[in-house]
N, C-alpha and C. Protein backbone atom coordinates (compact mmCIF):
# COMPACT_ATOMS: atom_id res chain seq x y z
N MET A 1 2.00 -30.47 26.88
CA MET A 1 2.30 -29.26 26.76
C MET A 1 3.51 -28.74 27.35
N SER A 2 4.37 -28.23 26.82
CA SER A 2 5.54 -27.70 27.62
C SER A 2 5.02 -26.34 28.33
N LYS A 3 6.05 -25.92 29.61
CA LYS A 3 5.82 -24.72 29.93
C LYS A 3 5.86 -23.34 29.15
N LEU A 4 5.05 -22.72 29.51
CA LEU A 4 5.26 -21.18 28.87
C LEU A 4 5.79 -20.44 29.56
N SER A 5 6.97 -19.84 28.85
CA SER A 5 7.77 -18.89 29.47
C SER A 5 7.22 -17.36 29.51
N SER A 6 7.32 -16.82 30.46
CA SER A 6 6.72 -15.17 30.37
C SER A 6 7.27 -14.34 29.13
N GLU A 7 8.53 -14.76 28.64
CA GLU A 7 8.79 -13.75 27.63
C GLU A 7 8.92 -14.62 26.26
N GLN A 8 8.21 -15.66 26.44
CA GLN A 8 7.70 -16.03 24.78
C GLN A 8 6.65 -15.09 24.01
N ILE A 9 6.67 -15.25 22.77
CA ILE A 9 5.52 -14.60 22.13
C ILE A 9 4.54 -15.57 21.83
N THR A 10 3.12 -15.42 22.41
CA THR A 10 2.14 -16.14 22.35
C THR A 10 1.62 -16.33 20.79
N VAL A 11 1.34 -17.36 20.21
CA VAL A 11 0.57 -17.06 18.93
C VAL A 11 -0.49 -18.07 18.46
N PHE A 12 -1.06 -17.50 17.83
CA PHE A 12 -2.45 -18.54 17.57
C PHE A 12 -2.64 -18.67 16.07
N ILE A 13 -3.06 -19.80 15.68
CA ILE A 13 -2.89 -20.08 14.04
C ILE A 13 -4.37 -20.17 13.46
N ALA A 14 -4.88 -19.52 12.47
CA ALA A 14 -6.29 -19.50 11.99
C ALA A 14 -5.99 -19.94 10.33
N ASP A 15 -6.27 -21.10 10.04
CA ASP A 15 -6.14 -21.64 8.75
C ASP A 15 -7.21 -22.82 8.64
N ASP A 16 -7.69 -23.10 7.50
CA ASP A 16 -8.71 -24.36 7.34
C ASP A 16 -7.94 -25.29 6.77
N HIS A 17 -6.84 -25.69 6.80
CA HIS A 17 -6.17 -26.45 6.34
C HIS A 17 -5.30 -26.98 7.65
N ALA A 18 -5.50 -28.30 7.90
CA ALA A 18 -4.83 -28.97 8.86
C ALA A 18 -3.43 -28.95 9.12
N VAL A 19 -2.83 -29.88 7.72
CA VAL A 19 -1.58 -29.81 7.55
C VAL A 19 -1.06 -28.40 7.57
N LEU A 20 -1.40 -27.25 7.25
CA LEU A 20 -0.75 -25.92 7.10
C LEU A 20 -0.75 -25.65 8.48
N ARG A 21 -1.71 -25.54 9.31
CA ARG A 21 -1.73 -25.36 10.52
C ARG A 21 -0.31 -25.95 11.64
N GLU A 22 -0.34 -27.36 11.28
CA GLU A 22 0.48 -28.29 12.32
C GLU A 22 1.98 -27.91 11.44
N GLY A 23 2.09 -27.33 10.27
CA GLY A 23 3.34 -26.98 9.51
C GLY A 23 3.80 -26.05 10.14
N LEU A 24 3.04 -24.94 9.97
CA LEU A 24 3.20 -23.54 10.99
C LEU A 24 3.63 -23.43 12.44
N ARG A 25 2.94 -24.35 13.28
CA ARG A 25 3.11 -24.62 14.31
C ARG A 25 4.32 -25.23 14.86
N LEU A 26 5.08 -26.26 13.82
CA LEU A 26 6.26 -26.99 13.87
C LEU A 26 7.48 -26.02 13.63
N LEU A 27 7.05 -25.09 12.73
CA LEU A 27 8.07 -23.93 12.10
C LEU A 27 8.14 -23.22 13.32
N LEU A 28 7.14 -22.30 13.73
CA LEU A 28 7.25 -21.45 14.86
C LEU A 28 7.70 -21.61 16.02
N GLU A 29 7.58 -22.96 16.40
CA GLU A 29 8.25 -23.44 17.80
C GLU A 29 9.64 -23.82 17.60
N SER A 30 9.98 -24.06 16.41
CA SER A 30 11.72 -24.17 16.18
C SER A 30 12.38 -22.95 16.93
N ASN A 31 11.80 -21.85 17.10
CA ASN A 31 12.21 -20.79 17.53
C ASN A 31 11.70 -20.70 19.14
N GLU A 32 12.94 -20.52 20.16
CA GLU A 32 12.30 -20.66 21.33
C GLU A 32 11.57 -19.47 22.05
N LYS A 33 11.68 -18.39 21.08
CA LYS A 33 10.99 -17.20 21.46
C LYS A 33 9.30 -17.52 21.43
N ILE A 34 9.00 -18.08 20.64
CA ILE A 34 7.54 -18.37 20.36
C ILE A 34 6.87 -19.43 20.55
N LYS A 35 5.65 -19.38 20.89
CA LYS A 35 4.98 -20.46 21.79
C LYS A 35 3.46 -20.61 20.80
N VAL A 36 3.14 -21.51 20.24
CA VAL A 36 1.61 -21.52 19.79
C VAL A 36 0.75 -22.12 20.72
N ILE A 37 -0.41 -21.60 21.13
CA ILE A 37 -1.30 -21.66 22.19
C ILE A 37 -2.45 -22.14 21.61
N GLY A 38 -3.20 -21.93 20.56
CA GLY A 38 -4.25 -22.70 19.94
C GLY A 38 -3.96 -22.37 18.17
N ASP A 39 -5.29 -22.85 17.86
CA ASP A 39 -5.63 -22.80 16.63
C ASP A 39 -7.06 -23.07 16.23
N ALA A 40 -7.61 -22.73 14.81
CA ALA A 40 -8.96 -22.69 14.71
C ALA A 40 -8.97 -23.02 12.95
N ASP A 41 -10.08 -23.45 12.59
CA ASP A 41 -10.14 -23.68 11.33
C ASP A 41 -11.18 -22.90 10.59
N ASN A 42 -11.73 -21.97 11.02
CA ASN A 42 -12.84 -21.01 10.81
C ASN A 42 -12.82 -19.74 11.60
N GLY A 43 -13.27 -18.55 10.70
CA GLY A 43 -12.90 -17.20 11.11
C GLY A 43 -13.72 -17.44 12.38
N ARG A 44 -15.10 -17.65 12.84
CA ARG A 44 -15.69 -17.52 13.68
C ARG A 44 -15.47 -18.15 14.96
N ASP A 45 -14.66 -19.32 15.02
CA ASP A 45 -14.02 -19.94 15.99
C ASP A 45 -12.81 -19.23 16.53
N THR A 46 -12.03 -18.69 15.40
CA THR A 46 -10.97 -18.01 15.96
C THR A 46 -11.40 -16.72 16.74
N ILE A 47 -12.30 -16.00 16.34
CA ILE A 47 -12.56 -15.21 17.19
C ILE A 47 -12.90 -15.40 18.75
N LYS A 48 -13.63 -16.21 18.69
CA LYS A 48 -14.00 -16.94 19.95
C LYS A 48 -12.72 -17.42 20.99
N GLN A 49 -11.85 -18.10 20.21
CA GLN A 49 -10.70 -18.80 20.75
C GLN A 49 -9.98 -17.45 21.24
N VAL A 50 -9.34 -16.49 20.46
CA VAL A 50 -8.58 -15.62 20.78
C VAL A 50 -9.11 -14.50 21.75
N ARG A 51 -10.58 -14.42 21.83
CA ARG A 51 -10.94 -13.73 23.02
C ARG A 51 -10.77 -14.61 24.36
N MET A 52 -10.79 -15.73 24.29
CA MET A 52 -10.47 -16.76 25.54
C MET A 52 -8.88 -16.59 25.71
N LEU A 53 -8.10 -16.82 24.56
CA LEU A 53 -6.71 -17.17 24.78
C LEU A 53 -5.75 -16.15 25.10
N LYS A 54 -6.33 -14.83 24.05
CA LYS A 54 -5.35 -13.93 24.72
C LYS A 54 -4.10 -14.05 23.97
N PRO A 55 -3.80 -14.27 22.85
CA PRO A 55 -2.41 -14.43 22.34
C PRO A 55 -1.98 -13.32 21.76
N ASN A 56 -0.69 -13.17 21.74
CA ASN A 56 0.15 -11.88 21.19
C ASN A 56 -0.15 -11.74 19.86
N ILE A 57 0.13 -12.99 19.25
CA ILE A 57 -0.06 -12.60 17.56
C ILE A 57 -1.19 -13.52 16.99
N VAL A 58 -1.76 -13.39 15.94
CA VAL A 58 -2.68 -14.11 15.52
C VAL A 58 -2.14 -14.49 13.95
N ILE A 59 -2.27 -15.42 13.44
CA ILE A 59 -1.55 -15.84 12.06
C ILE A 59 -3.05 -16.06 11.46
N MET A 60 -3.48 -15.42 10.51
CA MET A 60 -4.77 -15.31 9.94
C MET A 60 -4.75 -15.62 8.39
N ASP A 61 -5.49 -16.82 7.89
CA ASP A 61 -5.38 -17.14 6.84
C ASP A 61 -6.65 -16.15 5.99
N ILE A 62 -6.30 -15.74 4.82
CA ILE A 62 -7.45 -14.82 4.50
C ILE A 62 -8.60 -15.29 4.14
N ALA A 63 -8.33 -16.40 3.51
CA ALA A 63 -9.58 -17.28 2.91
C ALA A 63 -10.14 -18.01 4.03
N MET A 64 -10.91 -17.69 4.96
CA MET A 64 -11.29 -18.65 6.10
C MET A 64 -12.69 -18.97 5.76
N PRO A 65 -13.36 -19.83 6.40
CA PRO A 65 -14.75 -20.68 6.00
C PRO A 65 -15.38 -19.83 7.09
N GLU A 66 -16.80 -19.27 6.87
CA GLU A 66 -17.85 -18.85 7.77
C GLU A 66 -17.64 -17.13 8.30
N LEU A 67 -16.22 -16.95 8.19
CA LEU A 67 -16.13 -15.50 8.38
C LEU A 67 -14.89 -15.52 7.16
N ASP A 68 -14.53 -14.67 6.61
CA ASP A 68 -12.92 -14.30 6.22
C ASP A 68 -12.16 -13.70 7.00
N GLY A 69 -10.88 -14.03 6.67
CA GLY A 69 -9.69 -13.23 7.42
C GLY A 69 -9.83 -11.97 7.60
N ILE A 70 -10.08 -11.12 6.68
CA ILE A 70 -10.13 -9.68 6.62
C ILE A 70 -11.31 -9.02 7.83
N GLU A 71 -12.52 -9.88 7.53
CA GLU A 71 -13.42 -9.41 8.56
C GLU A 71 -13.15 -9.85 10.14
N ALA A 72 -12.44 -11.11 10.18
CA ALA A 72 -12.33 -11.70 11.38
C ALA A 72 -11.26 -10.95 12.24
N THR A 73 -10.27 -10.32 11.13
CA THR A 73 -9.42 -9.50 11.91
C THR A 73 -9.86 -8.20 12.63
N ARG A 74 -10.73 -7.35 11.58
CA ARG A 74 -11.40 -6.52 12.05
C ARG A 74 -12.09 -6.64 13.59
N GLN A 75 -12.73 -7.73 13.59
CA GLN A 75 -13.65 -7.88 14.51
C GLN A 75 -12.93 -8.45 16.19
N ILE A 76 -11.61 -9.21 15.74
CA ILE A 76 -10.39 -9.60 16.83
C ILE A 76 -10.07 -8.06 17.25
N LEU A 77 -9.68 -7.10 16.67
CA LEU A 77 -9.06 -6.07 16.75
C LEU A 77 -9.97 -5.10 17.63
N GLU A 78 -11.35 -5.18 17.44
CA GLU A 78 -12.34 -4.11 17.95
C GLU A 78 -12.38 -4.58 19.71
N GLN A 79 -12.26 -5.90 19.96
CA GLN A 79 -12.35 -6.47 21.13
C GLN A 79 -10.81 -6.33 21.73
N SER A 80 -10.02 -6.61 21.15
CA SER A 80 -8.58 -6.67 21.65
C SER A 80 -7.31 -5.78 20.75
N PRO A 81 -7.66 -4.51 20.94
CA PRO A 81 -6.70 -3.53 19.75
C PRO A 81 -5.39 -3.97 19.79
N SER A 82 -4.70 -4.45 20.96
CA SER A 82 -3.38 -4.69 21.34
C SER A 82 -2.85 -6.17 20.57
N THR A 83 -3.72 -6.91 20.19
CA THR A 83 -3.36 -8.21 19.40
C THR A 83 -2.70 -7.71 18.04
N CYS A 84 -1.63 -8.54 17.47
CA CYS A 84 -1.18 -8.18 16.52
C CYS A 84 -1.60 -9.53 15.31
N VAL A 85 -2.14 -8.74 14.07
CA VAL A 85 -2.64 -9.94 13.13
C VAL A 85 -1.91 -10.05 12.12
N ILE A 86 -1.34 -11.19 11.69
CA ILE A 86 -0.54 -11.32 10.52
C ILE A 86 -1.34 -12.14 9.27
N ILE A 87 -1.70 -11.37 8.37
CA ILE A 87 -2.67 -12.07 7.44
C ILE A 87 -1.73 -12.75 6.45
N LEU A 88 -2.02 -14.35 6.05
CA LEU A 88 -1.64 -15.26 5.38
C LEU A 88 -2.29 -15.28 4.04
N SER A 89 -1.84 -15.25 3.14
CA SER A 89 -2.76 -15.20 1.62
C SER A 89 -1.89 -15.45 0.42
N MET A 90 -2.59 -16.18 -0.23
CA MET A 90 -2.08 -16.77 -1.73
C MET A 90 -2.34 -15.29 -2.76
N HIS A 91 -2.65 -14.31 -2.21
CA HIS A 91 -2.62 -13.17 -3.11
C HIS A 91 -1.84 -11.94 -3.05
N SER A 92 -1.26 -11.33 -4.13
CA SER A 92 0.20 -10.78 -3.79
C SER A 92 -0.53 -9.38 -4.36
N SER A 93 -1.63 -8.97 -5.03
CA SER A 93 -2.12 -7.65 -5.34
C SER A 93 -2.42 -6.77 -4.36
N PRO A 94 -1.92 -5.36 -4.40
CA PRO A 94 -2.07 -4.36 -3.18
C PRO A 94 -3.46 -4.39 -2.95
N GLU A 95 -4.55 -4.54 -3.61
CA GLU A 95 -5.95 -4.13 -3.02
C GLU A 95 -6.13 -5.32 -1.68
N TYR A 96 -5.60 -6.46 -1.96
CA TYR A 96 -5.59 -7.22 -0.69
C TYR A 96 -4.83 -6.93 0.52
N VAL A 97 -3.54 -6.36 0.17
CA VAL A 97 -2.84 -5.59 0.90
C VAL A 97 -3.61 -4.67 1.87
N HIS A 98 -3.96 -3.66 1.11
CA HIS A 98 -4.77 -2.42 1.87
C HIS A 98 -5.92 -2.73 2.39
N ARG A 99 -6.56 -3.57 2.07
CA ARG A 99 -7.79 -3.94 2.84
C ARG A 99 -7.49 -4.66 3.86
N SER A 100 -6.54 -5.39 3.98
CA SER A 100 -6.07 -6.09 5.36
C SER A 100 -5.52 -5.11 6.13
N ILE A 101 -4.58 -4.14 5.70
CA ILE A 101 -4.22 -3.00 6.47
C ILE A 101 -5.24 -2.23 7.07
N ASP A 102 -6.18 -1.86 6.22
CA ASP A 102 -7.19 -1.16 6.51
C ASP A 102 -8.12 -1.64 7.93
N ALA A 103 -8.11 -3.19 7.83
CA ALA A 103 -8.60 -3.81 8.98
C ALA A 103 -8.03 -4.05 10.27
N GLY A 104 -6.80 -3.51 10.09
CA GLY A 104 -5.92 -3.47 11.46
C GLY A 104 -4.79 -4.39 11.29
N ALA A 105 -4.53 -5.39 10.32
CA ALA A 105 -3.50 -6.05 10.01
C ALA A 105 -2.40 -5.57 10.44
N LYS A 106 -1.02 -5.91 11.00
CA LYS A 106 0.05 -5.27 11.05
C LYS A 106 1.19 -6.24 10.35
N GLY A 107 0.79 -7.28 9.84
CA GLY A 107 1.57 -7.91 8.62
C GLY A 107 0.73 -8.97 7.58
N TYR A 108 1.45 -9.07 6.56
CA TYR A 108 0.97 -9.66 5.17
C TYR A 108 2.23 -10.44 4.62
N ILE A 109 1.87 -11.88 4.48
CA ILE A 109 2.77 -12.76 4.22
C ILE A 109 1.85 -13.58 3.20
N LEU A 110 2.83 -13.84 2.02
CA LEU A 110 2.43 -14.75 0.88
C LEU A 110 2.88 -16.02 1.39
N LYS A 111 1.46 -17.00 1.03
CA LYS A 111 1.89 -18.34 1.59
C LYS A 111 3.15 -19.28 0.76
N GLU A 112 3.37 -18.79 -0.40
CA GLU A 112 4.54 -19.21 -0.90
C GLU A 112 5.82 -19.18 -0.23
N SER A 113 6.08 -17.81 0.52
CA SER A 113 7.20 -17.60 0.98
C SER A 113 7.13 -17.83 2.55
N ALA A 114 6.00 -18.31 3.14
CA ALA A 114 5.74 -18.36 4.43
C ALA A 114 6.71 -19.04 5.43
N GLY A 115 7.18 -20.03 4.67
CA GLY A 115 8.00 -20.82 5.54
C GLY A 115 9.57 -19.95 5.86
N ALA A 116 9.82 -19.30 4.93
CA ALA A 116 10.96 -18.62 5.03
C ALA A 116 10.95 -17.16 5.85
N GLU A 117 9.80 -16.69 5.90
CA GLU A 117 9.29 -15.26 6.33
C GLU A 117 8.34 -15.39 7.67
N ILE A 118 7.83 -16.35 8.28
CA ILE A 118 6.51 -16.42 9.19
C ILE A 118 7.24 -16.21 10.58
N ILE A 119 8.74 -16.55 10.79
CA ILE A 119 9.22 -16.50 12.10
C ILE A 119 9.82 -14.75 12.20
N ASN A 120 10.22 -14.42 11.01
CA ASN A 120 10.63 -12.91 11.00
C ASN A 120 9.52 -11.98 11.00
N ALA A 121 8.20 -12.46 10.79
CA ALA A 121 7.01 -11.54 10.62
C ALA A 121 6.58 -11.63 12.42
N VAL A 122 6.60 -12.82 12.69
CA VAL A 122 6.22 -12.80 14.29
C VAL A 122 7.01 -11.90 15.22
N LEU A 123 8.37 -12.14 14.77
CA LEU A 123 9.33 -11.31 15.86
C LEU A 123 8.99 -9.78 15.51
N ASN A 124 8.78 -9.34 14.60
CA ASN A 124 8.88 -7.89 13.95
C ASN A 124 7.52 -7.43 14.82
N CYS A 125 6.46 -8.30 14.60
CA CYS A 125 4.95 -7.72 14.89
C CYS A 125 5.13 -7.49 16.37
N ALA A 126 5.79 -8.43 16.83
CA ALA A 126 5.86 -8.46 18.46
C ALA A 126 6.18 -7.38 18.97
N THR A 127 7.17 -6.78 18.16
CA THR A 127 7.91 -5.32 18.81
C THR A 127 7.29 -4.23 18.00
N GLY A 128 5.86 -4.48 17.69
CA GLY A 128 4.92 -3.22 17.06
C GLY A 128 5.67 -2.77 15.73
N LYS A 129 6.47 -3.72 15.12
CA LYS A 129 6.65 -3.25 13.74
C LYS A 129 5.71 -3.98 12.74
N ARG A 130 5.57 -3.51 11.72
CA ARG A 130 4.99 -3.91 10.44
C ARG A 130 6.05 -4.98 9.62
N TYR A 131 5.30 -5.93 9.24
CA TYR A 131 5.94 -6.94 8.15
C TYR A 131 5.06 -7.29 7.06
N LEU A 132 5.81 -7.18 5.82
CA LEU A 132 5.23 -7.47 4.61
C LEU A 132 6.31 -8.30 3.58
N SER A 133 5.63 -9.35 2.91
CA SER A 133 6.56 -10.06 2.22
C SER A 133 7.29 -9.46 1.58
N LYS A 134 8.54 -9.60 1.14
CA LYS A 134 9.58 -8.97 0.28
C LYS A 134 8.70 -8.38 -0.85
N LYS A 135 7.95 -9.51 -1.91
CA LYS A 135 7.38 -9.14 -2.99
C LYS A 135 6.19 -8.21 -2.76
N ILE A 136 5.52 -8.14 -1.64
CA ILE A 136 4.36 -7.39 -1.27
C ILE A 136 5.14 -5.98 -1.25
N SER A 137 5.94 -5.86 -0.17
CA SER A 137 6.78 -4.46 -0.11
C SER A 137 7.06 -3.99 -1.35
N GLU A 138 7.70 -4.45 -2.26
CA GLU A 138 8.01 -3.81 -3.51
C GLU A 138 6.85 -3.36 -4.44
N GLN A 139 5.67 -4.20 -4.45
CA GLN A 139 4.57 -3.86 -5.03
C GLN A 139 3.83 -2.95 -4.37
N VAL A 140 3.71 -2.69 -3.16
CA VAL A 140 2.90 -1.90 -2.53
C VAL A 140 3.70 -0.42 -2.52
N ILE A 141 5.08 -0.46 -2.84
CA ILE A 141 5.98 0.88 -2.55
C ILE A 141 5.79 1.49 -4.26
N ASP A 142 5.95 0.58 -5.16
CA ASP A 142 5.57 0.77 -6.70
C ASP A 142 4.40 1.69 -6.85
N GLU A 143 3.50 0.86 -6.13
CA GLU A 143 2.14 1.25 -6.29
C GLU A 143 1.92 3.03 -5.54
N TYR A 144 2.43 3.08 -4.61
CA TYR A 144 2.68 4.36 -3.76
C TYR A 144 3.32 5.53 -4.65
N PHE A 145 4.14 5.41 -4.96
CA PHE A 145 4.82 6.10 -5.78
C PHE A 145 4.17 6.66 -7.22
N GLN A 146 3.44 5.42 -7.55
CA GLN A 146 2.63 5.86 -8.76
C GLN A 146 1.75 6.31 -8.43
N GLN A 147 0.74 6.49 -7.46
CA GLN A 147 -0.18 7.22 -6.77
C GLN A 147 0.28 8.64 -6.56
N LYS A 148 1.44 8.47 -5.89
CA LYS A 148 1.83 9.82 -5.64
C LYS A 148 2.48 10.82 -6.96
N SER A 149 2.81 10.05 -7.84
CA SER A 149 3.43 10.87 -9.09
C SER A 149 2.05 11.12 -9.83
N TYR A 150 1.01 10.46 -9.86
CA TYR A 150 -0.35 10.85 -10.35
C TYR A 150 -1.01 12.11 -9.69
N LYS A 151 -0.76 11.92 -8.27
CA LYS A 151 -1.46 13.16 -7.69
C LYS A 151 -0.73 14.40 -7.80
N ASP A 152 0.81 14.13 -7.80
CA ASP A 152 1.34 15.36 -7.83
C ASP A 152 1.09 15.94 -9.19
N LYS A 153 1.04 15.49 -10.13
CA LYS A 153 0.71 15.76 -11.49
C LYS A 153 -0.71 16.41 -11.76
N LYS A 154 -1.41 15.82 -11.17
CA LYS A 154 -2.82 16.07 -11.28
C LYS A 154 -2.84 17.53 -10.27
N ASP A 155 -2.20 17.59 -9.18
CA ASP A 155 -1.88 19.23 -8.24
C ASP A 155 -1.35 19.98 -9.32
N ILE A 156 -0.26 19.89 -10.17
CA ILE A 156 0.26 21.00 -10.65
C ILE A 156 -0.64 21.33 -11.93
N LEU A 157 -1.31 20.43 -12.41
CA LEU A 157 -1.93 20.63 -13.72
C LEU A 157 -3.59 21.26 -13.93
N SER A 158 -3.77 21.25 -12.23
CA SER A 158 -5.01 21.89 -11.69
C SER A 158 -4.62 23.42 -11.25
N GLN A 159 -3.48 23.73 -11.29
CA GLN A 159 -3.10 25.34 -10.91
C GLN A 159 -3.26 26.06 -12.35
N LEU A 160 -2.99 25.26 -13.46
CA LEU A 160 -3.59 26.11 -14.69
C LEU A 160 -4.82 26.34 -15.23
N SER A 161 -5.27 27.49 -15.79
CA SER A 161 -6.22 27.65 -16.03
C SER A 161 -6.65 26.91 -17.65
N PRO A 162 -7.45 26.88 -17.93
CA PRO A 162 -8.02 26.63 -19.30
C PRO A 162 -7.42 27.11 -20.50
N ARG A 163 -7.20 28.50 -20.27
CA ARG A 163 -6.41 29.36 -21.31
C ARG A 163 -4.97 29.22 -21.41
N GLU A 164 -4.68 29.16 -19.86
CA GLU A 164 -3.07 28.83 -19.51
C GLU A 164 -2.64 27.74 -20.31
N MET A 165 -3.55 26.35 -20.10
CA MET A 165 -3.34 25.09 -20.84
C MET A 165 -3.00 25.68 -22.32
N GLU A 166 -4.31 26.08 -22.90
CA GLU A 166 -4.18 26.26 -24.35
C GLU A 166 -3.11 27.07 -24.92
N ILE A 167 -2.63 28.11 -23.95
CA ILE A 167 -1.06 28.90 -24.54
C ILE A 167 -0.39 27.92 -24.24
N LEU A 168 0.02 27.30 -23.12
CA LEU A 168 1.21 26.19 -23.17
C LEU A 168 1.23 25.11 -24.21
N LYS A 169 0.26 24.53 -24.86
CA LYS A 169 0.09 23.65 -25.85
C LYS A 169 0.92 24.13 -27.18
N LEU A 170 0.37 25.44 -27.23
CA LEU A 170 0.68 26.41 -28.57
C LEU A 170 2.17 26.51 -28.53
N VAL A 171 2.67 26.83 -27.20
CA VAL A 171 4.01 27.41 -27.19
C VAL A 171 5.01 25.98 -27.41
N VAL A 172 4.41 24.89 -26.64
CA VAL A 172 5.34 23.53 -27.11
C VAL A 172 5.42 23.24 -28.60
N GLU A 173 4.26 23.88 -29.21
CA GLU A 173 4.38 23.47 -30.78
C GLU A 173 5.34 24.11 -31.43
N GLY A 174 5.60 25.34 -30.80
CA GLY A 174 6.87 26.17 -31.30
C GLY A 174 6.21 27.32 -31.76
N LYS A 175 4.88 27.92 -31.69
CA LYS A 175 4.41 28.95 -31.98
C LYS A 175 4.87 30.29 -31.15
N SER A 176 5.23 31.52 -32.11
CA SER A 176 5.34 32.23 -31.41
C SER A 176 4.55 33.17 -30.95
N SER A 177 4.88 34.32 -30.14
CA SER A 177 3.84 34.90 -29.16
C SER A 177 2.97 35.48 -30.34
N ALA A 178 3.32 35.98 -31.45
CA ALA A 178 2.46 36.56 -32.18
C ALA A 178 1.45 35.75 -32.85
N GLU A 179 2.13 34.74 -33.30
CA GLU A 179 0.94 33.15 -34.03
C GLU A 179 -0.12 33.20 -32.89
N ILE A 180 0.51 32.89 -31.53
CA ILE A 180 -0.33 32.65 -30.77
C ILE A 180 -1.48 33.60 -30.60
N ALA A 181 -1.19 34.81 -30.31
CA ALA A 181 -2.10 36.20 -30.43
C ALA A 181 -3.05 35.75 -31.54
N ASN A 182 -2.71 35.61 -32.81
CA ASN A 182 -3.33 35.47 -33.72
C ASN A 182 -4.76 34.49 -33.60
N ILE A 183 -4.50 33.16 -33.01
CA ILE A 183 -4.83 32.21 -32.91
C ILE A 183 -6.00 32.32 -31.82
N ILE A 184 -5.70 32.85 -30.55
CA ILE A 184 -6.93 33.12 -29.83
C ILE A 184 -7.41 34.64 -29.49
N PHE A 185 -6.95 35.41 -30.70
CA PHE A 185 -7.35 36.52 -30.15
C PHE A 185 -7.11 37.55 -29.01
N ILE A 186 -5.86 37.39 -28.72
CA ILE A 186 -5.19 38.40 -27.61
C ILE A 186 -4.11 39.09 -28.34
N SER A 187 -3.51 40.04 -27.51
CA SER A 187 -2.26 40.78 -27.98
C SER A 187 -1.14 39.92 -27.44
N PRO A 188 0.19 40.03 -28.35
CA PRO A 188 1.32 39.50 -28.20
C PRO A 188 1.69 39.52 -26.54
N LYS A 189 1.52 40.86 -26.35
CA LYS A 189 1.96 41.13 -24.78
C LYS A 189 1.11 40.11 -23.70
N THR A 190 0.04 40.25 -23.99
CA THR A 190 -0.86 39.20 -23.28
C THR A 190 -0.71 38.09 -23.34
N VAL A 191 -0.06 37.46 -24.31
CA VAL A 191 0.41 35.92 -24.38
C VAL A 191 1.89 35.85 -23.77
N GLU A 192 2.61 36.96 -23.85
CA GLU A 192 4.04 37.09 -22.95
C GLU A 192 3.59 36.65 -21.43
N THR A 193 2.66 37.46 -21.14
CA THR A 193 2.32 37.67 -19.88
C THR A 193 1.77 36.23 -19.15
N TYR A 194 1.02 35.72 -19.94
CA TYR A 194 0.30 34.29 -19.97
C TYR A 194 1.39 33.29 -19.65
N ARG A 195 2.38 33.49 -20.52
CA ARG A 195 3.43 32.53 -20.72
C ARG A 195 4.39 32.31 -19.52
N SER A 196 4.57 33.73 -18.76
CA SER A 196 5.48 34.17 -17.85
C SER A 196 5.02 33.48 -16.67
N ARG A 197 3.68 33.62 -16.38
CA ARG A 197 2.46 33.22 -15.30
C ARG A 197 2.83 31.58 -15.38
N ILE A 198 2.73 30.89 -16.56
CA ILE A 198 2.74 29.84 -16.58
C ILE A 198 3.96 28.89 -16.17
N MET A 199 5.20 29.65 -16.33
CA MET A 199 6.51 29.31 -16.46
C MET A 199 6.71 29.18 -14.55
N GLN A 200 6.05 30.54 -14.05
CA GLN A 200 6.47 30.26 -12.71
C GLN A 200 5.41 29.40 -11.89
N LYS A 201 4.20 29.23 -12.37
CA LYS A 201 3.39 27.97 -11.50
C LYS A 201 4.34 26.74 -11.62
N ILE A 202 4.56 26.30 -12.98
CA ILE A 202 5.24 25.11 -13.12
C ILE A 202 6.69 24.79 -12.58
N GLY A 203 6.93 26.02 -12.48
CA GLY A 203 8.55 25.87 -11.72
C GLY A 203 9.72 26.13 -12.88
N VAL A 204 9.56 26.43 -13.93
CA VAL A 204 10.44 26.44 -14.98
C VAL A 204 11.20 27.81 -15.58
N LYS A 205 12.37 27.70 -16.23
CA LYS A 205 12.73 29.09 -16.58
C LYS A 205 12.76 29.74 -17.93
N ASP A 206 12.58 28.52 -18.71
CA ASP A 206 12.47 28.72 -20.21
C ASP A 206 11.76 27.78 -21.12
N ILE A 207 11.74 28.27 -22.51
CA ILE A 207 10.84 27.33 -23.18
C ILE A 207 11.30 25.86 -23.30
N THR A 208 12.36 25.67 -23.17
CA THR A 208 13.12 24.09 -23.31
C THR A 208 12.26 23.47 -21.76
N GLY A 209 12.16 24.29 -20.86
CA GLY A 209 11.56 23.72 -19.60
C GLY A 209 10.30 23.43 -19.58
N LEU A 210 9.41 24.30 -20.43
CA LEU A 210 8.12 24.15 -20.78
C LEU A 210 7.82 22.90 -21.60
N VAL A 211 8.94 22.77 -22.46
CA VAL A 211 8.57 21.61 -23.46
C VAL A 211 8.77 20.41 -22.71
N LYS A 212 9.71 20.28 -21.78
CA LYS A 212 9.89 18.94 -21.03
C LYS A 212 8.95 18.70 -20.28
N PHE A 213 8.41 19.89 -19.46
CA PHE A 213 7.06 19.65 -18.54
C PHE A 213 6.23 19.10 -19.48
N ALA A 214 5.77 19.49 -20.69
CA ALA A 214 4.61 19.27 -21.42
C ALA A 214 4.78 17.54 -21.64
N ILE A 215 6.08 17.25 -22.24
CA ILE A 215 6.05 15.72 -22.61
C ILE A 215 6.10 14.90 -21.42
N ARG A 216 6.53 15.41 -20.39
CA ARG A 216 6.51 14.58 -18.87
C ARG A 216 5.16 14.15 -18.51
N HIS A 217 4.39 15.39 -18.67
CA HIS A 217 2.90 15.20 -18.12
C HIS A 217 1.80 14.89 -19.03
N GLY A 218 2.45 14.39 -20.40
CA GLY A 218 1.26 14.04 -21.42
C GLY A 218 0.35 14.98 -21.80
N ILE A 219 1.03 16.42 -21.87
CA ILE A 219 0.38 17.35 -22.66
C ILE A 219 0.51 17.42 -24.11
N THR A 220 1.44 16.89 -24.49
CA THR A 220 2.10 16.87 -25.84
C THR A 220 3.13 15.75 -25.68
N THR A 221 3.38 14.93 -27.24
CA THR A 221 4.55 14.25 -27.36
C THR A 221 5.36 14.42 -28.38
N LEU A 222 4.90 15.52 -28.70
CA LEU A 222 5.55 16.26 -30.14
C LEU A 222 5.95 15.12 -31.13
N GLU A 223 5.18 14.19 -31.41
CA GLU A 223 5.24 13.44 -32.71
C GLU A 223 4.87 14.05 -33.80
């Protein structure tokens, strides 16, 4: 075994496939800044060896025997919070990424792109940064904005009372204040007061703005 430089990043590989472990070792050590100091083929042995060897980085297969990679990550970080864990997975769905990050993982790499990304992941995580496979990054970002859009939509709509929602629907259907007043049994002046209040709450200045808001938020399709 070659002498370990004090500036090298120490890495432990946890995967139940010996060929993959050896391939990752050769790939990682092609970079002079990285040194692989151990490996294991199951979750429990990984925890035990990481406790003894204290590597900077653990590359963890998500589907480990005896103890899965996410739980092994959680237990490793309980005993050694400074250890950086990079999850190696065939799963690209945000659910797996979120579970891994919740467990404390700093990186998440798809096996299909590990060859191209593993060194960058190790170098990034060694400096305290997160690293997600490009494909994962795009999916997680897309989901984030979808969730944010849904939350913003709920927040805005929750500001409107049932009566205001009723009037909004009638307004965007093209009903006049007098027609709305007859339908819901209030005065036209009260309808106009409601309409002004609705416009103020949702931040629009005219009927066109109300219609655009209603279509954008699924209140009406005007079909």
